[in-house]
Amino acid sequence: EGSIAALARKHDVNDNLLFKWIRLWQREGRVCRPRKTHRRFLP
């Protein structure tokens, strides 16, 4: 598990630029936001 900023740094990409690309792709319908899931812990 990691963050978008960590992924950007790993590949020597400015994290703000990566966020900008993601927003652009979302507007174009190329990517969608991940659904938030609620994890349940069972005893």
N, C-alpha and C. Protein backbone atom coordinates (compact mmCIF):
# COMPACT_ATOMS: atom_id res chain seq x y z
N GLU A 1 0.85 -1.18 0.00
CA GLU A 1 0.00 0.00 0.00
C GLU A 1 0.89 1.23 0.00
N GLY A 2 0.45 2.27 -0.70
CA GLY A 2 1.23 3.49 -0.74
C GLY A 2 0.37 4.66 -1.17
N SER A 3 1.01 5.78 -1.29
CA SER A 3 0.28 6.98 -1.69
C SER A 3 0.65 7.36 -3.11
N ILE A 4 -0.15 8.21 -3.70
CA ILE A 4 0.14 8.70 -5.04
C ILE A 4 1.43 9.50 -5.02
N ALA A 5 1.63 10.29 -3.98
CA ALA A 5 2.86 11.09 -3.88
C ALA A 5 4.09 10.18 -3.81
N ALA A 6 4.00 9.09 -3.05
CA ALA A 6 5.13 8.16 -2.95
C ALA A 6 5.39 7.49 -4.30
N LEU A 7 4.34 7.14 -5.00
CA LEU A 7 4.49 6.54 -6.32
C LEU A 7 5.17 7.51 -7.28
N ALA A 8 4.75 8.77 -7.24
CA ALA A 8 5.37 9.78 -8.10
C ALA A 8 6.85 9.93 -7.78
N ARG A 9 7.19 10.02 -6.51
CA ARG A 9 8.60 10.16 -6.12
C ARG A 9 9.43 8.96 -6.56
N LYS A 10 8.84 7.78 -6.45
CA LYS A 10 9.55 6.55 -6.84
C LYS A 10 9.96 6.60 -8.30
N HIS A 11 9.14 7.26 -9.13
CA HIS A 11 9.39 7.32 -10.57
C HIS A 11 9.90 8.69 -11.01
N ASP A 12 10.39 9.48 -10.05
CA ASP A 12 10.96 10.80 -10.34
C ASP A 12 10.00 11.71 -11.10
N VAL A 13 8.73 11.68 -10.71
CA VAL A 13 7.72 12.55 -11.28
C VAL A 13 7.23 13.47 -10.18
N ASN A 14 7.04 14.74 -10.50
CA ASN A 14 6.53 15.69 -9.52
C ASN A 14 5.12 15.26 -9.12
N ASP A 15 4.87 15.15 -7.82
CA ASP A 15 3.56 14.65 -7.38
C ASP A 15 2.43 15.58 -7.78
N ASN A 16 2.66 16.89 -7.82
CA ASN A 16 1.60 17.82 -8.26
C ASN A 16 1.24 17.59 -9.72
N LEU A 17 2.22 17.26 -10.53
CA LEU A 17 1.97 16.97 -11.94
C LEU A 17 1.14 15.70 -12.08
N LEU A 18 1.48 14.69 -11.29
CA LEU A 18 0.72 13.44 -11.33
C LEU A 18 -0.74 13.67 -10.92
N PHE A 19 -0.95 14.46 -9.85
CA PHE A 19 -2.32 14.78 -9.44
C PHE A 19 -3.06 15.52 -10.55
N LYS A 20 -2.36 16.42 -11.24
CA LYS A 20 -2.98 17.17 -12.34
C LYS A 20 -3.40 16.22 -13.46
N TRP A 21 -2.53 15.27 -13.81
CA TRP A 21 -2.86 14.29 -14.84
C TRP A 21 -4.07 13.46 -14.43
N ILE A 22 -4.11 13.05 -13.17
CA ILE A 22 -5.23 12.23 -12.70
C ILE A 22 -6.54 13.00 -12.80
N ARG A 23 -6.54 14.28 -12.38
CA ARG A 23 -7.75 15.10 -12.49
C ARG A 23 -8.18 15.24 -13.95
N LEU A 24 -7.21 15.45 -14.84
CA LEU A 24 -7.51 15.57 -16.27
C LEU A 24 -8.14 14.28 -16.79
N TRP A 25 -7.54 13.14 -16.46
CA TRP A 25 -8.07 11.85 -16.91
C TRP A 25 -9.45 11.58 -16.33
N GLN A 26 -9.70 12.02 -15.09
CA GLN A 26 -11.02 11.84 -14.49
C GLN A 26 -12.06 12.65 -15.26
N ARG A 27 -11.72 13.88 -15.62
CA ARG A 27 -12.66 14.71 -16.38
C ARG A 27 -12.96 14.10 -17.74
N GLU A 28 -11.95 13.47 -18.34
CA GLU A 28 -12.13 12.84 -19.65
C GLU A 28 -12.82 11.48 -19.55
N GLY A 29 -13.01 10.98 -18.34
CA GLY A 29 -13.65 9.68 -18.15
C GLY A 29 -12.71 8.50 -18.35
N ARG A 30 -11.41 8.76 -18.38
CA ARG A 30 -10.43 7.69 -18.59
C ARG A 30 -10.17 6.90 -17.32
N VAL A 31 -10.28 7.54 -16.18
CA VAL A 31 -10.10 6.87 -14.89
C VAL A 31 -11.21 7.33 -13.96
N CYS A 32 -11.51 6.53 -12.96
CA CYS A 32 -12.51 6.92 -11.98
C CYS A 32 -11.90 6.81 -10.59
N ARG A 33 -12.50 7.52 -9.68
CA ARG A 33 -12.03 7.47 -8.30
C ARG A 33 -12.35 6.10 -7.71
N PRO A 34 -11.42 5.58 -6.93
CA PRO A 34 -11.72 4.29 -6.29
C PRO A 34 -12.86 4.44 -5.29
N ARG A 35 -13.65 3.40 -5.19
CA ARG A 35 -14.74 3.41 -4.21
C ARG A 35 -14.17 3.21 -2.83
N LYS A 36 -14.74 3.93 -1.88
CA LYS A 36 -14.32 3.74 -0.50
C LYS A 36 -15.04 2.51 0.04
N THR A 37 -14.29 1.63 0.61
CA THR A 37 -14.89 0.43 1.18
C THR A 37 -14.72 0.48 2.69
N HIS A 38 -15.69 -0.03 3.34
CA HIS A 38 -15.64 -0.10 4.79
C HIS A 38 -15.21 -1.51 5.16
N ARG A 39 -14.12 -1.59 5.82
CA ARG A 39 -13.63 -2.91 6.23
C ARG A 39 -14.30 -3.32 7.52
N ARG A 40 -14.71 -4.55 7.55
CA ARG A 40 -15.33 -5.09 8.76
C ARG A 40 -14.38 -6.08 9.38
N PHE A 41 -14.20 -5.94 10.64
CA PHE A 41 -13.36 -6.88 11.37
C PHE A 41 -14.28 -7.83 12.12
N LEU A 42 -14.13 -9.09 11.81
CA LEU A 42 -14.96 -10.08 12.46
C LEU A 42 -14.20 -10.70 13.62
N PRO A 43 -14.91 -10.99 14.71
CA PRO A 43 -14.23 -11.60 15.87
C PRO A 43 -13.79 -13.02 15.60
